[in-house]
Amino acid sequence: MTQTRPVFYVSDGTGITAETIGHSLLTQFADTRFTTDRISFVDTAEKAREAANRIREAGEAAGARPIVVNSCVDNELYRILAESGGLMLDIFAPFIEPLERELGEQRSLRVGQAHGMVNFEAYHRRINAMNYALTHDDGMIMDFEDAEIILVGVSRAGKTPTCVYLALHYGIRAANYPLTEEDLEADRLPAKLRSHRHKLFGLTIDPIRLHQIRQERRPNSRYSQLDTCKREVAQAEHIFLNEKLTTLSTTHTSIEEIASKVLTTLGIHREMF
């Protein structure tokens, strides 16, 4: 039986950076099972000792040495965490010294710089983009003048989560439009979309996967029937082909990959927050 390794993402801030990098590292090891936990805002010695005890106990319960992905910038906190006996992976260590040499500057030990609200303009842009994505979801508002991206596809093809991701991580004003029965029968995009052709990107999906998703939402309905899914996907893909829209299948594609492909295709360059 495969042994399960406990993994902890420990940070003096939100822990998002440690978890993101740690998850990417763990995906490279397909033959090992992991249980993961995030311990955020470990910014005092007392909290570090509590975290170390928690990590040590998890290792003893699992019968395996814990892995600690650490993004605490304070060396004293790091030392206390190391008393847990876990394998310590400091995500900054490989990069800080070369950067200090190159820049001729010592790093400043400030907590929460990666995900803190240090740029109010950028923060408000993300909030406004999120509001835009929610109010322009599923074609609720058909005014797309201010949209930077418009995702088009059949219902449940992944448009909404991708728009939310683009708003939250890039501050992109992303709208989405679900192709209706009328649109599919007309075999063309509605006029209000065609006038924004340069902003459009088509999302499609395998009909069987679409059937599974719709079954969870509306079981045994006409909407979720496999024949309905097959017909709608075929009609949508025919429209995309005729309209010469770039299209991506979301069947085995993560939201992060979808967003990256959309941004690259539409030539939008925006730093991740």
Protein backbone atom coordinates (compact mmCIF):
# COMPACT_ATOMS: atom_id res chain seq x y z
CA MET A 1 0.00 0.00 0.00
CA THR A 2 1.35 3.42 -0.96
CA GLN A 3 2.38 5.55 2.01
CA THR A 4 0.68 8.96 2.26
CA ARG A 5 2.95 11.93 2.90
CA PRO A 6 1.56 14.90 4.86
CA VAL A 7 2.40 18.23 3.18
CA PHE A 8 2.05 21.63 4.82
CA TYR A 9 2.12 25.01 3.07
CA VAL A 10 3.28 27.44 5.75
CA SER A 11 3.41 31.20 5.35
CA ASP A 12 3.58 34.42 7.32
CA GLY A 13 0.99 35.75 4.85
CA THR A 14 -1.88 34.17 2.96
CA GLY A 15 0.06 31.06 1.93
CA ILE A 16 -1.13 31.37 -1.67
CA THR A 17 2.40 31.54 -3.07
CA ALA A 18 3.61 28.53 -1.07
CA GLU A 19 0.54 26.49 -2.02
CA THR A 20 0.75 27.40 -5.71
CA ILE A 21 4.43 26.50 -6.01
CA GLY A 22 4.11 23.47 -3.74
CA HIS A 23 1.19 22.07 -5.72
CA SER A 24 3.16 22.46 -8.95
CA LEU A 25 6.05 20.54 -7.41
CA LEU A 26 3.89 17.71 -6.07
CA THR A 27 2.21 17.09 -9.44
CA GLN A 28 5.59 15.89 -10.70
CA PHE A 29 5.39 12.84 -8.42
CA ALA A 30 2.51 10.70 -9.63
CA ASP A 31 3.37 7.58 -7.62
CA THR A 32 3.18 9.23 -4.19
CA ARG A 33 0.00 10.11 -2.34
CA PHE A 34 -0.15 13.42 -0.47
CA THR A 35 -2.45 15.01 2.07
CA THR A 36 -2.08 18.78 2.05
CA ASP A 37 -2.87 21.52 4.53
CA ARG A 38 -2.24 25.26 4.55
CA ILE A 39 -1.19 27.16 7.69
CA SER A 40 -1.43 30.89 7.02
CA PHE A 41 -0.33 34.02 8.92
CA VAL A 42 2.42 32.31 10.95
CA ASP A 43 4.00 35.64 11.89
CA THR A 44 5.01 35.13 15.55
CA ALA A 45 7.20 32.63 17.38
CA GLU A 46 4.15 31.32 19.25
CA LYS A 47 2.27 30.61 16.02
CA ALA A 48 5.38 28.99 14.55
CA ARG A 49 5.65 26.64 17.55
CA GLU A 50 1.96 25.73 17.22
CA ALA A 51 2.48 25.03 13.52
CA ALA A 52 5.59 22.93 14.25
CA ASN A 53 3.68 20.81 16.76
CA ARG A 54 0.83 20.32 14.31
CA ILE A 55 3.25 19.27 11.58
CA ARG A 56 5.12 16.89 13.90
CA GLU A 57 1.87 15.24 15.05
CA ALA A 58 0.71 14.78 11.46
CA GLY A 59 4.00 13.07 10.61
CA GLU A 60 3.74 10.74 13.59
CA ALA A 61 0.13 9.85 12.71
CA ALA A 62 1.05 9.15 9.09
CA GLY A 63 4.27 7.32 9.92
CA ALA A 64 6.08 9.47 7.36
CA ARG A 65 8.25 12.56 7.44
CA PRO A 66 6.13 15.65 6.67
CA ILE A 67 7.02 17.99 3.82
CA VAL A 68 6.91 21.70 4.66
CA VAL A 69 6.73 24.20 1.82
CA ASN A 70 7.68 27.42 3.55
CA SER A 71 7.37 31.06 2.50
CA CYS A 72 8.06 32.71 5.89
CA VAL A 73 10.70 35.41 5.44
CA ASP A 74 11.81 35.56 9.10
CA ASN A 75 14.75 33.21 9.74
CA GLU A 76 13.74 32.71 13.40
CA LEU A 77 10.29 31.49 12.34
CA TYR A 78 11.94 29.17 9.84
CA ARG A 79 14.19 27.75 12.58
CA ILE A 80 11.19 27.03 14.84
CA LEU A 81 9.25 25.40 12.01
CA ALA A 82 12.27 23.19 11.25
CA GLU A 83 11.97 21.74 14.76
CA SER A 84 8.94 19.85 13.43
CA GLY A 85 11.37 17.42 11.81
CA GLY A 86 9.77 17.95 8.43
CA LEU A 87 11.58 18.29 5.14
CA MET A 88 11.86 22.08 4.83
CA LEU A 89 11.48 23.55 1.36
CA ASP A 90 12.05 27.31 1.42
CA ILE A 91 10.54 28.61 -1.83
CA PHE A 92 12.63 31.80 -1.76
CA ALA A 93 16.02 30.28 -0.94
CA PRO A 94 17.14 29.28 -4.47
CA PHE A 95 16.46 32.77 -5.83
CA ILE A 96 17.19 35.34 -3.14
CA GLU A 97 21.00 35.05 -3.02
CA PRO A 98 21.51 35.25 -6.82
CA LEU A 99 19.16 38.25 -6.96
CA GLU A 100 20.95 39.99 -4.08
CA ARG A 101 24.28 39.52 -5.89
CA GLU A 102 22.89 40.72 -9.21
CA LEU A 103 21.05 43.75 -7.82
CA GLY A 104 23.62 44.68 -5.18
CA GLU A 105 20.81 44.94 -2.66
CA GLN A 106 19.76 42.92 0.37
CA ARG A 107 16.19 41.73 0.43
CA SER A 108 13.81 43.51 2.81
CA LEU A 109 12.06 41.06 5.15
CA ARG A 110 8.54 42.37 4.63
CA VAL A 111 5.58 40.08 5.14
CA GLY A 112 2.69 39.71 2.71
CA GLN A 113 4.15 41.57 -0.24
CA ALA A 114 3.14 38.99 -2.85
CA HIS A 115 -0.60 39.05 -2.08
CA GLY A 116 -1.07 42.07 0.14
CA MET A 117 -3.12 45.05 -0.99
CA VAL A 118 -0.05 47.14 -1.78
CA ASN A 119 -1.33 48.55 -5.09
CA PHE A 120 -4.77 50.07 -4.53
CA GLU A 121 -5.29 50.90 -8.20
CA ALA A 122 -4.61 47.30 -9.26
CA TYR A 123 -6.78 45.98 -6.43
CA HIS A 124 -9.76 48.10 -7.43
CA ARG A 125 -9.27 47.09 -11.05
CA ARG A 126 -9.64 43.47 -9.99
CA ILE A 127 -12.78 44.22 -7.96
CA ASN A 128 -14.34 46.16 -10.83
CA ALA A 129 -13.45 43.37 -13.25
CA MET A 130 -15.07 40.83 -10.95
CA ASN A 131 -18.24 42.90 -10.76
CA TYR A 132 -18.20 43.17 -14.54
CA ALA A 133 -17.83 39.41 -14.98
CA LEU A 134 -20.75 38.73 -12.64
CA THR A 135 -23.10 41.29 -14.20
CA HIS A 136 -22.22 40.14 -17.73
CA ASP A 137 -22.54 36.45 -16.98
CA ASP A 138 -24.63 34.23 -19.27
CA GLY A 139 -25.61 37.14 -21.49
CA MET A 140 -27.54 38.90 -18.70
CA ILE A 141 -26.32 42.23 -20.08
CA MET A 142 -25.75 42.42 -23.82
CA ASP A 143 -23.77 45.67 -23.79
CA PHE A 144 -20.24 44.48 -24.58
CA GLU A 145 -18.63 47.83 -25.38
CA ASP A 146 -16.39 47.76 -22.31
CA ALA A 147 -15.58 44.05 -22.52
CA GLU A 148 -12.00 43.07 -23.20
CA ILE A 149 -12.92 39.41 -23.78
CA ILE A 150 -16.20 37.68 -24.65
CA LEU A 151 -16.32 33.90 -24.24
CA VAL A 152 -18.91 32.09 -26.37
CA GLY A 153 -20.15 28.51 -26.11
CA VAL A 154 -22.97 26.23 -25.11
CA SER A 155 -24.21 26.23 -21.52
CA ARG A 156 -21.80 24.62 -18.99
CA ALA A 157 -18.76 24.66 -21.27
CA GLY A 158 -16.65 26.53 -18.69
CA LYS A 159 -17.30 30.15 -19.63
CA THR A 160 -18.25 31.54 -16.21
CA PRO A 161 -15.35 30.13 -14.13
CA THR A 162 -12.89 31.27 -16.80
CA CYS A 163 -14.32 34.81 -16.76
CA VAL A 164 -14.10 34.91 -12.96
CA TYR A 165 -10.50 33.67 -13.07
CA LEU A 166 -9.55 36.31 -15.67
CA ALA A 167 -11.12 39.02 -13.52
CA LEU A 168 -9.63 37.91 -10.23
CA HIS A 169 -6.10 37.18 -11.41
CA TYR A 170 -5.64 39.63 -14.28
CA GLY A 171 -8.23 42.36 -13.78
CA ILE A 172 -9.72 41.54 -17.19
CA ARG A 173 -13.26 42.65 -17.99
CA ALA A 174 -14.52 39.32 -19.33
CA ALA A 175 -18.12 38.68 -20.41
CA ASN A 176 -19.65 35.46 -21.62
CA TYR A 177 -22.53 34.53 -23.89
CA PRO A 178 -24.26 31.13 -23.91
CA LEU A 179 -25.45 30.17 -27.38
CA THR A 180 -29.23 29.81 -27.21
CA GLU A 181 -31.44 27.35 -29.07
CA GLU A 182 -32.33 30.17 -31.44
CA ASP A 183 -28.67 30.99 -32.10
CA LEU A 184 -27.82 27.35 -32.75
CA GLU A 185 -30.75 26.90 -35.15
CA ALA A 186 -29.84 30.12 -36.97
CA ASP A 187 -26.33 28.67 -37.46
CA ARG A 188 -24.68 32.03 -36.87
CA LEU A 189 -23.61 34.35 -34.10
CA PRO A 190 -26.13 36.97 -32.97
CA ALA A 191 -25.59 40.45 -34.43
CA LYS A 192 -24.53 41.93 -31.07
CA LEU A 193 -21.65 39.47 -30.92
CA ARG A 194 -20.54 39.84 -34.54
CA SER A 195 -19.91 43.54 -33.96
CA HIS A 196 -17.32 42.54 -31.32
CA ARG A 197 -15.64 39.81 -33.34
CA HIS A 198 -12.11 40.85 -32.25
CA LYS A 199 -13.03 40.11 -28.61
CA LEU A 200 -14.61 36.70 -29.18
CA PHE A 201 -13.21 33.31 -28.21
CA GLY A 202 -15.11 30.04 -28.55
CA LEU A 203 -15.18 27.32 -25.88
CA THR A 204 -16.33 23.80 -26.71
CA ILE A 205 -16.44 20.55 -24.78
CA ASP A 206 -16.80 16.83 -25.32
CA PRO A 207 -20.55 16.01 -25.38
CA ILE A 208 -20.16 13.10 -22.95
CA ARG A 209 -18.42 15.33 -20.41
CA LEU A 210 -21.07 18.02 -20.98
CA HIS A 211 -23.77 15.43 -20.35
CA GLN A 212 -22.14 14.52 -17.02
CA ILE A 213 -21.92 18.16 -15.93
CA ARG A 214 -25.49 18.94 -16.89
CA GLN A 215 -26.75 15.80 -15.18
CA GLU A 216 -25.35 17.13 -11.91
CA ARG A 217 -27.15 20.42 -12.42
CA ARG A 218 -30.47 19.26 -13.87
CA PRO A 219 -30.72 15.45 -13.70
CA ASN A 220 -32.69 13.58 -16.36
CA SER A 221 -33.88 16.75 -18.08
CA ARG A 222 -34.00 17.39 -21.82
CA TYR A 223 -31.23 19.93 -21.19
CA SER A 224 -28.92 17.21 -19.85
CA GLN A 225 -29.74 14.43 -22.34
CA LEU A 226 -26.71 13.11 -24.22
CA ASP A 227 -28.45 13.63 -27.59
CA THR A 228 -29.08 17.27 -26.69
CA CYS A 229 -25.45 17.74 -25.69
CA LYS A 230 -24.19 16.14 -28.90
CA ARG A 231 -26.45 18.28 -31.06
CA GLU A 232 -25.65 21.56 -29.30
CA VAL A 233 -21.88 20.98 -29.35
CA ALA A 234 -21.95 20.06 -33.06
CA GLN A 235 -24.01 23.14 -33.92
CA ALA A 236 -21.79 25.43 -31.83
CA GLU A 237 -18.60 24.07 -33.39
CA HIS A 238 -20.12 24.56 -36.86
CA ILE A 239 -20.82 28.20 -36.01
CA PHE A 240 -17.27 28.70 -34.71
CA LEU A 241 -15.89 27.20 -37.91
CA ASN A 242 -18.06 29.37 -40.16
CA GLU A 243 -17.29 32.50 -38.16
CA LYS A 244 -13.57 31.63 -38.09
CA LEU A 245 -13.39 31.93 -34.30
CA THR A 246 -10.45 30.47 -32.41
CA THR A 247 -11.82 27.64 -30.30
CA LEU A 248 -10.53 25.58 -27.40
CA SER A 249 -11.94 22.40 -25.88
CA THR A 250 -12.31 22.64 -22.11
CA THR A 251 -12.78 18.89 -21.63
CA HIS A 252 -9.31 18.21 -20.24
CA THR A 253 -8.09 21.80 -19.89
CA SER A 254 -7.70 23.67 -16.61
CA ILE A 255 -9.07 27.16 -16.09
CA GLU A 256 -5.51 28.47 -15.89
CA GLU A 257 -4.68 26.94 -19.28
CA ILE A 258 -7.89 28.24 -20.84
CA ALA A 259 -7.21 31.76 -19.56
CA SER A 260 -3.62 31.71 -20.83
CA LYS A 261 -4.71 30.52 -24.28
CA VAL A 262 -7.43 33.17 -24.50
CA LEU A 263 -5.07 35.99 -23.51
CA THR A 264 -2.40 34.85 -25.96
CA THR A 265 -4.83 34.42 -28.85
CA LEU A 266 -6.46 37.82 -28.34
CA GLY A 267 -3.09 39.53 -27.84
CA ILE A 268 -3.86 40.80 -24.34
CA HIS A 269 -0.79 41.27 -22.13
CA ARG A 270 -1.55 41.68 -18.45
CA GLU A 271 0.55 40.77 -15.43
CA MET A 272 -0.93 38.35 -12.90
CA PHE A 273 -1.67 40.04 -9.59
